[in-house]
Amino acid sequence: MVKFTVLPLAAMAALASLAAANNCKTGLNYCGYNLLGIGNYGAQINGALETASQPTDDGHIHESLFHCNGGNNGDISFISYCGAGCKDGGSGNSDFC
């Protein structure tokens, strides 16, 4: 019986580490579309846009640049709207306008 209880605990620990891996990396800047691709950032993007008195339309959600403040929940803040499009900086690098 002990072996059967160890497996679910190991599976839960593995899933918890995967969930943590979906946070943004502290200090990097991200396009909205990249934040949506790495995790469930919809509500945080809308909140950051509203805090900065920005529209919450699809263009601003996807083409704005956000800073990853870090923390356990991957806290973000709005930097700017990229009118000419937000560019992917590549793995381990900040995105940019």
PDB file of N, CA and C in Angstrom:
ATOM      1  N   MET A   1       0.807  -1.197   0.000  1.00  0.00           N
ATOM      2  CA  MET A   1       0.000   0.000   0.000  1.00  0.00           C
ATOM      3  C   MET A   1       0.851   1.262   0.000  1.00  0.00           C
ATOM      4  N   VAL A   2       1.959   1.243   0.648  1.00  0.00           N
ATOM      5  CA  VAL A   2       2.804   2.434   0.731  1.00  0.00           C
ATOM      6  C   VAL A   2       3.270   2.853  -0.653  1.00  0.00           C
ATOM      7  N   LYS A   3       3.584   1.900  -1.505  1.00  0.00           N
ATOM      8  CA  LYS A   3       4.054   2.221  -2.853  1.00  0.00           C
ATOM      9  C   LYS A   3       2.990   2.990  -3.638  1.00  0.00           C
ATOM     10  N   PHE A   4       1.734   2.673  -3.419  1.00  0.00           N
ATOM     11  CA  PHE A   4       0.663   3.349  -4.157  1.00  0.00           C
ATOM     12  C   PHE A   4       0.479   4.793  -3.690  1.00  0.00           C
ATOM     13  N   THR A   5       0.770   5.098  -2.447  1.00  0.00           N
ATOM     14  CA  THR A   5       0.632   6.477  -1.974  1.00  0.00           C
ATOM     15  C   THR A   5       1.830   7.327  -2.373  1.00  0.00           C
ATOM     16  N   VAL A   6       2.967   6.710  -2.577  1.00  0.00           N
ATOM     17  CA  VAL A   6       4.156   7.451  -2.989  1.00  0.00           C
ATOM     18  C   VAL A   6       4.013   7.947  -4.427  1.00  0.00           C
ATOM     19  N   LEU A   7       3.435   7.150  -5.302  1.00  0.00           N
ATOM     20  CA  LEU A   7       3.279   7.554  -6.700  1.00  0.00           C
ATOM     21  C   LEU A   7       2.425   8.807  -6.870  1.00  0.00           C
ATOM     22  N   PRO A   8       1.244   8.893  -6.250  1.00  0.00           N
ATOM     23  CA  PRO A   8       0.471  10.135  -6.395  1.00  0.00           C
ATOM     24  C   PRO A   8       1.202  11.359  -5.838  1.00  0.00           C
ATOM     25  N   LEU A   9       1.934  11.191  -4.738  1.00  0.00           N
ATOM     26  CA  LEU A   9       2.678  12.315  -4.180  1.00  0.00           C
ATOM     27  C   LEU A   9       3.780  12.764  -5.134  1.00  0.00           C
ATOM     28  N   ALA A  10       4.463  11.816  -5.746  1.00  0.00           N
ATOM     29  CA  ALA A  10       5.514  12.162  -6.709  1.00  0.00           C
ATOM     30  C   ALA A  10       4.915  12.849  -7.925  1.00  0.00           C
ATOM     31  N   ALA A  11       3.774  12.379  -8.384  1.00  0.00           N
ATOM     32  CA  ALA A  11       3.113  12.998  -9.537  1.00  0.00           C
ATOM     33  C   ALA A  11       2.680  14.424  -9.210  1.00  0.00           C
ATOM     34  N   MET A  12       2.157  14.640  -8.004  1.00  0.00           N
ATOM     35  CA  MET A  12       1.747  15.995  -7.605  1.00  0.00           C
ATOM     36  C   MET A  12       2.949  16.925  -7.523  1.00  0.00           C
ATOM     37  N   ALA A  13       4.063  16.444  -7.022  1.00  0.00           N
ATOM     38  CA  ALA A  13       5.268  17.271  -6.938  1.00  0.00           C
ATOM     39  C   ALA A  13       5.765  17.638  -8.332  1.00  0.00           C
ATOM     40  N   ALA A  14       5.704  16.688  -9.263  1.00  0.00           N
ATOM     41  CA  ALA A  14       6.138  16.960 -10.632  1.00  0.00           C
ATOM     42  C   ALA A  14       5.234  17.995 -11.289  1.00  0.00           C
ATOM     43  N   LEU A  15       3.934  17.886 -11.081  1.00  0.00           N
ATOM     44  CA  LEU A  15       3.002  18.858 -11.648  1.00  0.00           C
ATOM     45  C   LEU A  15       3.199  20.242 -11.043  1.00  0.00           C
ATOM     46  N   ALA A  16       3.484  20.308  -9.769  1.00  0.00           N
ATOM     47  CA  ALA A  16       3.718  21.592  -9.114  1.00  0.00           C
ATOM     48  C   ALA A  16       4.942  22.275  -9.701  1.00  0.00           C
ATOM     49  N   SER A  17       5.990  21.519  -9.997  1.00  0.00           N
ATOM     50  CA  SER A  17       7.186  22.123 -10.577  1.00  0.00           C
ATOM     51  C   SER A  17       6.927  22.585 -12.001  1.00  0.00           C
ATOM     52  N   LEU A  18       6.069  21.880 -12.738  1.00  0.00           N
ATOM     53  CA  LEU A  18       5.712  22.321 -14.088  1.00  0.00           C
ATOM     54  C   LEU A  18       4.901  23.609 -14.038  1.00  0.00           C
ATOM     55  N   ALA A  19       4.013  23.730 -13.089  1.00  0.00           N
ATOM     56  CA  ALA A  19       3.211  24.950 -12.963  1.00  0.00           C
ATOM     57  C   ALA A  19       4.107  26.144 -12.655  1.00  0.00           C
ATOM     58  N   ALA A  20       5.097  25.959 -11.809  1.00  0.00           N
ATOM     59  CA  ALA A  20       6.006  27.046 -11.477  1.00  0.00           C
ATOM     60  C   ALA A  20       6.844  27.448 -12.679  1.00  0.00           C
ATOM     61  N   ALA A  21       7.139  26.515 -13.564  1.00  0.00           N
ATOM     62  CA  ALA A  21       7.965  26.798 -14.735  1.00  0.00           C
ATOM     63  C   ALA A  21       7.246  27.701 -15.727  1.00  0.00           C
ATOM     64  N   ASN A  22       5.910  27.857 -15.602  1.00  0.00           N
ATOM     65  CA  ASN A  22       5.154  28.671 -16.537  1.00  0.00           C
ATOM     66  C   ASN A  22       5.112  30.143 -16.156  1.00  0.00           C
ATOM     67  N   ASN A  23       5.832  30.558 -15.135  1.00  0.00           N
ATOM     68  CA  ASN A  23       5.915  31.972 -14.787  1.00  0.00           C
ATOM     69  C   ASN A  23       6.964  32.650 -15.662  1.00  0.00           C
ATOM     70  N   CYS A  24       6.798  33.948 -15.839  1.00  0.00           N
ATOM     71  CA  CYS A  24       7.801  34.716 -16.569  1.00  0.00           C
ATOM     72  C   CYS A  24       9.094  34.751 -15.757  1.00  0.00           C
ATOM     73  N   LYS A  25      10.191  35.092 -16.423  1.00  0.00           N
ATOM     74  CA  LYS A  25      11.483  35.174 -15.741  1.00  0.00           C
ATOM     75  C   LYS A  25      11.688  36.601 -15.235  1.00  0.00           C
ATOM     76  N   THR A  26      11.913  36.727 -13.936  1.00  0.00           N
ATOM     77  CA  THR A  26      12.060  38.028 -13.293  1.00  0.00           C
ATOM     78  C   THR A  26      13.105  38.882 -14.009  1.00  0.00           C
ATOM     79  N   GLY A  27      12.729  40.133 -14.287  1.00  0.00           N
ATOM     80  CA  GLY A  27      13.651  41.087 -14.893  1.00  0.00           C
ATOM     81  C   GLY A  27      13.555  41.186 -16.404  1.00  0.00           C
ATOM     82  N   LEU A  28      12.902  40.208 -17.050  1.00  0.00           N
ATOM     83  CA  LEU A  28      12.774  40.257 -18.507  1.00  0.00           C
ATOM     84  C   LEU A  28      11.484  40.957 -18.910  1.00  0.00           C
ATOM     85  N   ASN A  29      11.470  41.493 -20.126  1.00  0.00           N
ATOM     86  CA  ASN A  29      10.284  42.127 -20.692  1.00  0.00           C
ATOM     87  C   ASN A  29       9.644  41.177 -21.692  1.00  0.00           C
ATOM     88  N   TYR A  30       8.317  41.153 -21.713  1.00  0.00           N
ATOM     89  CA  TYR A  30       7.576  40.210 -22.548  1.00  0.00           C
ATOM     90  C   TYR A  30       6.485  40.914 -23.335  1.00  0.00           C
ATOM     91  N   CYS A  31       6.318  40.519 -24.583  1.00  0.00           N
ATOM     92  CA  CYS A  31       5.150  40.917 -25.363  1.00  0.00           C
ATOM     93  C   CYS A  31       3.945  40.187 -24.766  1.00  0.00           C
ATOM     94  N   GLY A  32       2.783  40.807 -24.856  1.00  0.00           N
ATOM     95  CA  GLY A  32       1.583  40.183 -24.336  1.00  0.00           C
ATOM     96  C   GLY A  32       1.335  38.809 -24.924  1.00  0.00           C
ATOM     97  N   TYR A  33       1.553  38.665 -26.245  1.00  0.00           N
ATOM     98  CA  TYR A  33       1.305  37.367 -26.872  1.00  0.00           C
ATOM     99  C   TYR A  33       2.236  36.291 -26.342  1.00  0.00           C
ATOM    100  N   ASN A  34       3.453  36.643 -25.941  1.00  0.00           N
ATOM    101  CA  ASN A  34       4.353  35.645 -25.363  1.00  0.00           C
ATOM    102  C   ASN A  34       3.929  35.266 -23.946  1.00  0.00           C
ATOM    103  N   LEU A  35       3.445  36.239 -23.173  1.00  0.00           N
ATOM    104  CA  LEU A  35       2.937  35.912 -21.834  1.00  0.00           C
ATOM    105  C   LEU A  35       1.757  34.955 -21.928  1.00  0.00           C
ATOM    106  N   LEU A  36       0.871  35.205 -22.891  1.00  0.00           N
ATOM    107  CA  LEU A  36      -0.276  34.307 -23.066  1.00  0.00           C
ATOM    108  C   LEU A  36       0.174  32.919 -23.494  1.00  0.00           C
ATOM    109  N   GLY A  37       1.286  32.839 -24.215  1.00  0.00           N
ATOM    110  CA  GLY A  37       1.806  31.551 -24.681  1.00  0.00           C
ATOM    111  C   GLY A  37       2.485  30.734 -23.593  1.00  0.00           C
ATOM    112  N   ILE A  38       3.046  31.396 -22.581  1.00  0.00           N
ATOM    113  CA  ILE A  38       3.772  30.638 -21.549  1.00  0.00           C
ATOM    114  C   ILE A  38       2.920  30.319 -20.332  1.00  0.00           C
ATOM    115  N   GLY A  39       1.810  31.000 -20.172  1.00  0.00           N
ATOM    116  CA  GLY A  39       0.996  30.748 -18.983  1.00  0.00           C
ATOM    117  C   GLY A  39      -0.346  31.425 -19.055  1.00  0.00           C
ATOM    118  N   ASN A  40      -1.070  31.344 -17.981  1.00  0.00           N
ATOM    119  CA  ASN A  40      -2.407  31.906 -17.905  1.00  0.00           C
ATOM    120  C   ASN A  40      -2.314  33.360 -17.432  1.00  0.00           C
ATOM    121  N   TYR A  41      -1.890  34.252 -18.320  1.00  0.00           N
ATOM    122  CA  TYR A  41      -1.646  35.643 -17.970  1.00  0.00           C
ATOM    123  C   TYR A  41      -2.760  36.593 -18.398  1.00  0.00           C
ATOM    124  N   GLY A  42      -3.877  36.090 -18.887  1.00  0.00           N
ATOM    125  CA  GLY A  42      -4.945  36.960 -19.375  1.00  0.00           C
ATOM    126  C   GLY A  42      -5.402  37.987 -18.358  1.00  0.00           C
ATOM    127  N   ALA A  43      -5.721  37.544 -17.162  1.00  0.00           N
ATOM    128  CA  ALA A  43      -6.208  38.456 -16.120  1.00  0.00           C
ATOM    129  C   ALA A  43      -5.121  39.429 -15.682  1.00  0.00           C
ATOM    130  N   GLN A  44      -3.877  38.969 -15.598  1.00  0.00           N
ATOM    131  CA  GLN A  44      -2.778  39.847 -15.187  1.00  0.00           C
ATOM    132  C   GLN A  44      -2.490  40.904 -16.250  1.00  0.00           C
ATOM    133  N   ILE A  45      -2.562  40.527 -17.523  1.00  0.00           N
ATOM    134  CA  ILE A  45      -2.358  41.499 -18.604  1.00  0.00           C
ATOM    135  C   ILE A  45      -3.445  42.565 -18.546  1.00  0.00           C
ATOM    136  N   ASN A  46      -4.696  42.143 -18.428  1.00  0.00           N
ATOM    137  CA  ASN A  46      -5.798  43.105 -18.332  1.00  0.00           C
ATOM    138  C   ASN A  46      -5.620  44.019 -17.124  1.00  0.00           C
ATOM    139  N   GLY A  47      -5.227  43.456 -15.998  1.00  0.00           N
ATOM    140  CA  GLY A  47      -5.011  44.252 -14.795  1.00  0.00           C
ATOM    141  C   GLY A  47      -3.891  45.265 -14.961  1.00  0.00           C
ATOM    142  N   ALA A  48      -2.793  44.843 -15.590  1.00  0.00           N
ATOM    143  CA  ALA A  48      -1.658  45.754 -15.810  1.00  0.00           C
ATOM    144  C   ALA A  48      -2.043  46.876 -16.768  1.00  0.00           C
ATOM    145  N   LEU A  49      -2.810  46.546 -17.810  1.00  0.00           N
ATOM    146  CA  LEU A  49      -3.271  47.572 -18.751  1.00  0.00           C
ATOM    147  C   LEU A  49      -4.213  48.552 -18.057  1.00  0.00           C
ATOM    148  N   GLU A  50      -5.145  48.051 -17.271  1.00  0.00           N
ATOM    149  CA  GLU A  50      -6.087  48.920 -16.562  1.00  0.00           C
ATOM    150  C   GLU A  50      -5.369  49.824 -15.560  1.00  0.00           C
ATOM    151  N   THR A  51      -4.397  49.284 -14.835  1.00  0.00           N
ATOM    152  CA  THR A  51      -3.625  50.072 -13.870  1.00  0.00           C
ATOM    153  C   THR A  51      -2.901  51.222 -14.565  1.00  0.00           C
ATOM    154  N   ALA A  52      -2.448  50.985 -15.811  1.00  0.00           N
ATOM    155  CA  ALA A  52      -1.734  52.005 -16.583  1.00  0.00           C
ATOM    156  C   ALA A  52      -2.688  52.858 -17.431  1.00  0.00           C
ATOM    157  N   SER A  53      -3.998  52.730 -17.202  1.00  0.00           N
ATOM    158  CA  SER A  53      -5.026  53.478 -17.959  1.00  0.00           C
ATOM    159  C   SER A  53      -4.913  53.258 -19.465  1.00  0.00           C
ATOM    160  N   GLN A  54      -4.669  52.013 -19.847  1.00  0.00           N
ATOM    161  CA  GLN A  54      -4.571  51.629 -21.255  1.00  0.00           C
ATOM    162  C   GLN A  54      -5.812  50.848 -21.659  1.00  0.00           C
ATOM    163  N   PRO A  55      -6.146  50.865 -22.954  1.00  0.00           N
ATOM    164  CA  PRO A  55      -7.274  50.042 -23.424  1.00  0.00           C
ATOM    165  C   PRO A  55      -6.973  48.553 -23.236  1.00  0.00           C
ATOM    166  N   THR A  56      -8.020  47.742 -23.158  1.00  0.00           N
ATOM    167  CA  THR A  56      -7.848  46.295 -23.005  1.00  0.00           C
ATOM    168  C   THR A  56      -8.351  45.550 -24.239  1.00  0.00           C
ATOM    169  N   ASP A  57      -8.195  46.172 -25.413  1.00  0.00           N
ATOM    170  CA  ASP A  57      -8.578  45.521 -26.663  1.00  0.00           C
ATOM    171  C   ASP A  57      -7.507  44.504 -27.055  1.00  0.00           C
ATOM    172  N   ASP A  58      -7.811  43.660 -28.055  1.00  0.00           N
ATOM    173  CA  ASP A  58      -6.876  42.605 -28.477  1.00  0.00           C
ATOM    174  C   ASP A  58      -5.507  43.153 -28.870  1.00  0.00           C
ATOM    175  N   GLY A  59      -5.484  44.293 -29.551  1.00  0.00           N
ATOM    176  CA  GLY A  59      -4.208  44.882 -29.960  1.00  0.00           C
ATOM    177  C   GLY A  59      -3.328  45.210 -28.776  1.00  0.00           C
ATOM    178  N   HIS A  60      -3.895  45.829 -27.761  1.00  0.00           N
ATOM    179  CA  HIS A  60      -3.106  46.180 -26.582  1.00  0.00           C
ATOM    180  C   HIS A  60      -2.733  44.951 -25.755  1.00  0.00           C
ATOM    181  N   ILE A  61      -3.598  43.977 -25.729  1.00  0.00           N
ATOM    182  CA  ILE A  61      -3.290  42.739 -24.996  1.00  0.00           C
ATOM    183  C   ILE A  61      -2.114  42.018 -25.639  1.00  0.00           C
ATOM    184  N   HIS A  62      -2.120  41.878 -26.949  1.00  0.00           N
ATOM    185  CA  HIS A  62      -1.089  41.104 -27.650  1.00  0.00           C
ATOM    186  C   HIS A  62       0.170  41.899 -27.982  1.00  0.00           C
ATOM    187  N   GLU A  63       0.031  43.185 -28.277  1.00  0.00           N
ATOM    188  CA  GLU A  63       1.164  43.966 -28.789  1.00  0.00           C
ATOM    189  C   GLU A  63       1.729  44.970 -27.795  1.00  0.00           C
ATOM    190  N   SER A  64       1.475  44.791 -26.516  1.00  0.00           N
ATOM    191  CA  SER A  64       2.083  45.639 -25.489  1.00  0.00           C
ATOM    192  C   SER A  64       3.256  44.914 -24.865  1.00  0.00           C
ATOM    193  N   LEU A  65       4.155  45.705 -24.305  1.00  0.00           N
ATOM    194  CA  LEU A  65       5.340  45.176 -23.648  1.00  0.00           C
ATOM    195  C   LEU A  65       5.141  45.264 -22.135  1.00  0.00           C
ATOM    196  N   PHE A  66       5.442  44.157 -21.442  1.00  0.00           N
ATOM    197  CA  PHE A  66       5.264  44.060 -19.997  1.00  0.00           C
ATOM    198  C   PHE A  66       6.573  43.645 -19.343  1.00  0.00           C
ATOM    199  N   HIS A  67       6.806  44.135 -18.136  1.00  0.00           N
ATOM    200  CA  HIS A  67       7.988  43.769 -17.365  1.00  0.00           C
ATOM    201  C   HIS A  67       7.603  42.697 -16.353  1.00  0.00           C
ATOM    202  N   CYS A  68       8.428  41.673 -16.246  1.00  0.00           N
ATOM    203  CA  CYS A  68       8.192  40.607 -15.272  1.00  0.00           C
ATOM    204  C   CYS A  68       8.820  41.019 -13.950  1.00  0.00           C
ATOM    205  N   ASN A  69       7.957  41.329 -12.976  1.00  0.00           N
ATOM    206  CA  ASN A  69       8.418  41.736 -11.649  1.00  0.00           C
ATOM    207  C   ASN A  69       8.779  40.538 -10.786  1.00  0.00           C
ATOM    208  N   GLY A  70       8.334  39.354 -11.197  1.00  0.00           N
ATOM    209  CA  GLY A  70       8.657  38.130 -10.474  1.00  0.00           C
ATOM    210  C   GLY A  70       7.642  37.772  -9.416  1.00  0.00           C
ATOM    211  N   GLY A  71       8.116  37.084  -8.424  1.00  0.00           N
ATOM    212  CA  GLY A  71       7.224  36.591  -7.382  1.00  0.00           C
ATOM    213  C   GLY A  71       6.659  35.242  -7.775  1.00  0.00           C
ATOM    214  N   ASN A  72       5.958  34.619  -6.840  1.00  0.00           N
ATOM    215  CA  ASN A  72       5.409  33.281  -7.078  1.00  0.00           C
ATOM    216  C   ASN A  72       4.341  33.256  -8.153  1.00  0.00           C
ATOM    217  N   ASN A  73       3.669  34.374  -8.368  1.00  0.00           N
ATOM    218  CA  ASN A  73       2.597  34.394  -9.359  1.00  0.00           C
ATOM    219  C   ASN A  73       3.018  35.025 -10.679  1.00  0.00           C
ATOM    220  N   GLY A  74       4.300  35.339 -10.854  1.00  0.00           N
ATOM    221  CA  GLY A  74       4.755  35.938 -12.100  1.00  0.00           C
ATOM    222  C   GLY A  74       4.178  37.315 -12.321  1.00  0.00           C
ATOM    223  N   ASP A  75       4.207  38.168 -11.308  1.00  0.00           N
ATOM    224  CA  ASP A  75       3.645  39.515 -11.369  1.00  0.00           C
ATOM    225  C   ASP A  75       4.263  40.308 -12.521  1.00  0.00           C
ATOM    226  N   ILE A  76       3.434  41.066 -13.240  1.00  0.00           N
ATOM    227  CA  ILE A  76       3.885  41.862 -14.380  1.00  0.00           C
ATOM    228  C   ILE A  76       3.413  43.306 -14.244  1.00  0.00           C
ATOM    229  N   SER A  77       4.077  44.213 -14.985  1.00  0.00           N
ATOM    230  CA  SER A  77       3.633  45.597 -15.090  1.00  0.00           C
ATOM    231  C   SER A  77       3.774  46.057 -16.535  1.00  0.00           C
ATOM    232  N   PHE A  78       2.897  46.971 -16.934  1.00  0.00           N
ATOM    233  CA  PHE A  78       2.872  47.508 -18.290  1.00  0.00           C
ATOM    234  C   PHE A  78       4.070  48.435 -18.505  1.00  0.00           C
ATOM    235  N   ILE A  79       4.719  48.304 -19.672  1.00  0.00           N
ATOM    236  CA  ILE A  79       5.803  49.214 -20.055  1.00  0.00           C
ATOM    237  C   ILE A  79       5.307  50.173 -21.131  1.00  0.00           C
ATOM    238  N   SER A  80       4.876  49.601 -22.275  1.00  0.00           N
ATOM    239  CA  SER A  80       4.400  50.447 -23.370  1.00  0.00           C
ATOM    240  C   SER A  80       3.627  49.619 -24.391  1.00  0.00           C
ATOM    241  N   TYR A  81       2.838  50.335 -25.174  1.00  0.00           N
ATOM    242  CA  TYR A  81       2.147  49.722 -26.309  1.00  0.00           C
ATOM    243  C   TYR A  81       3.066  49.837 -27.509  1.00  0.00           C
ATOM    244  N   CYS A  82       3.249  48.750 -28.221  1.00  0.00           N
ATOM    245  CA  CYS A  82       4.128  48.729 -29.390  1.00  0.00           C
ATOM    246  C   CYS A  82       3.279  48.902 -30.647  1.00  0.00           C
ATOM    247  N   GLY A  83       3.072  50.146 -31.057  1.00  0.00           N
ATOM    248  CA  GLY A  83       2.223  50.448 -32.199  1.00  0.00           C
ATOM    249  C   GLY A  83       2.669  49.782 -33.490  1.00  0.00           C
ATOM    250  N   ALA A  84       3.970  49.620 -33.668  1.00  0.00           N
ATOM    251  CA  ALA A  84       4.505  48.982 -34.869  1.00  0.00           C
ATOM    252  C   ALA A  84       4.701  47.481 -34.674  1.00  0.00           C
ATOM    253  N   GLY A  85       4.239  46.957 -33.541  1.00  0.00           N
ATOM    254  CA  GLY A  85       4.352  45.522 -33.263  1.00  0.00           C
ATOM    255  C   GLY A  85       5.407  45.213 -32.225  1.00  0.00           C
ATOM    256  N   CYS A  86       5.100  44.257 -31.400  1.00  0.00           N
ATOM    257  CA  CYS A  86       6.014  43.799 -30.360  1.00  0.00           C
ATOM    258  C   CYS A  86       6.858  42.664 -30.925  1.00  0.00           C
ATOM    259  N   LYS A  87       8.147  42.676 -30.648  1.00  0.00           N
ATOM    260  CA  LYS A  87       9.084  41.699 -31.234  1.00  0.00           C
ATOM    261  C   LYS A  87       9.604  40.745 -30.172  1.00  0.00           C
ATOM    262  N   ASP A  88       9.660  39.477 -30.533  1.00  0.00           N
ATOM    263  CA  ASP A  88      10.171  38.421 -29.672  1.00  0.00           C
ATOM    264  C   ASP A  88      11.710  38.522 -29.619  1.00  0.00           C
ATOM    265  N   GLY A  89      12.265  38.678 -28.426  1.00  0.00           N
ATOM    266  CA  GLY A  89      13.707  38.784 -28.260  1.00  0.00           C
ATOM    267  C   GLY A  89      14.424  37.448 -28.241  1.00  0.00           C
ATOM    268  N   GLY A  90      13.689  36.347 -28.240  1.00  0.00           N
ATOM    269  CA  GLY A  90      14.300  35.032 -28.214  1.00  0.00           C
ATOM    270  C   GLY A  90      14.440  34.515 -26.787  1.00  0.00           C
ATOM    271  N   SER A  91      14.678  33.241 -26.669  1.00  0.00           N
ATOM    272  CA  SER A  91      14.763  32.578 -25.370  1.00  0.00           C
ATOM    273  C   SER A  91      15.835  33.216 -24.486  1.00  0.00           C
ATOM    274  N   GLY A  92      15.443  33.585 -23.261  1.00  0.00           N
ATOM    275  CA  GLY A  92      16.373  34.150 -22.300  1.00  0.00           C
ATOM    276  C   GLY A  92      16.650  35.630 -22.490  1.00  0.00           C
ATOM    277  N   ASN A  93      16.029  36.267 -23.491  1.00  0.00           N
ATOM    278  CA  ASN A  93      16.219  37.696 -23.761  1.00  0.00           C
ATOM    279  C   ASN A  93      14.887  38.424 -23.652  1.00  0.00           C
ATOM    280  N   SER A  94      14.964  39.723 -23.373  1.00  0.00           N
ATOM    281  CA  SER A  94      13.761  40.533 -23.313  1.00  0.00           C
ATOM    282  C   SER A  94      13.182  40.760 -24.699  1.00  0.00           C
ATOM    283  N   ASP A  95      11.848  40.792 -24.768  1.00  0.00           N
ATOM    284  CA  ASP A  95      11.146  41.204 -25.981  1.00  0.00           C
ATOM    285  C   ASP A  95      11.257  42.727 -26.074  1.00  0.00           C
ATOM    286  N   PHE A  96      10.895  43.296 -27.222  1.00  0.00           N
ATOM    287  CA  PHE A  96      11.052  44.728 -27.418  1.00  0.00           C
ATOM    288  C   PHE A  96      10.068  45.239 -28.464  1.00  0.00           C
ATOM    289  N   CYS A  97       9.899  46.573 -28.503  1.00  0.00           N
ATOM    290  CA  CYS A  97       9.026  47.202 -29.514  1.00  0.00           C
ATOM    291  C   CYS A  97       9.831  47.432 -30.792  1.00  0.00           C
TER     292      CYS A  97
END
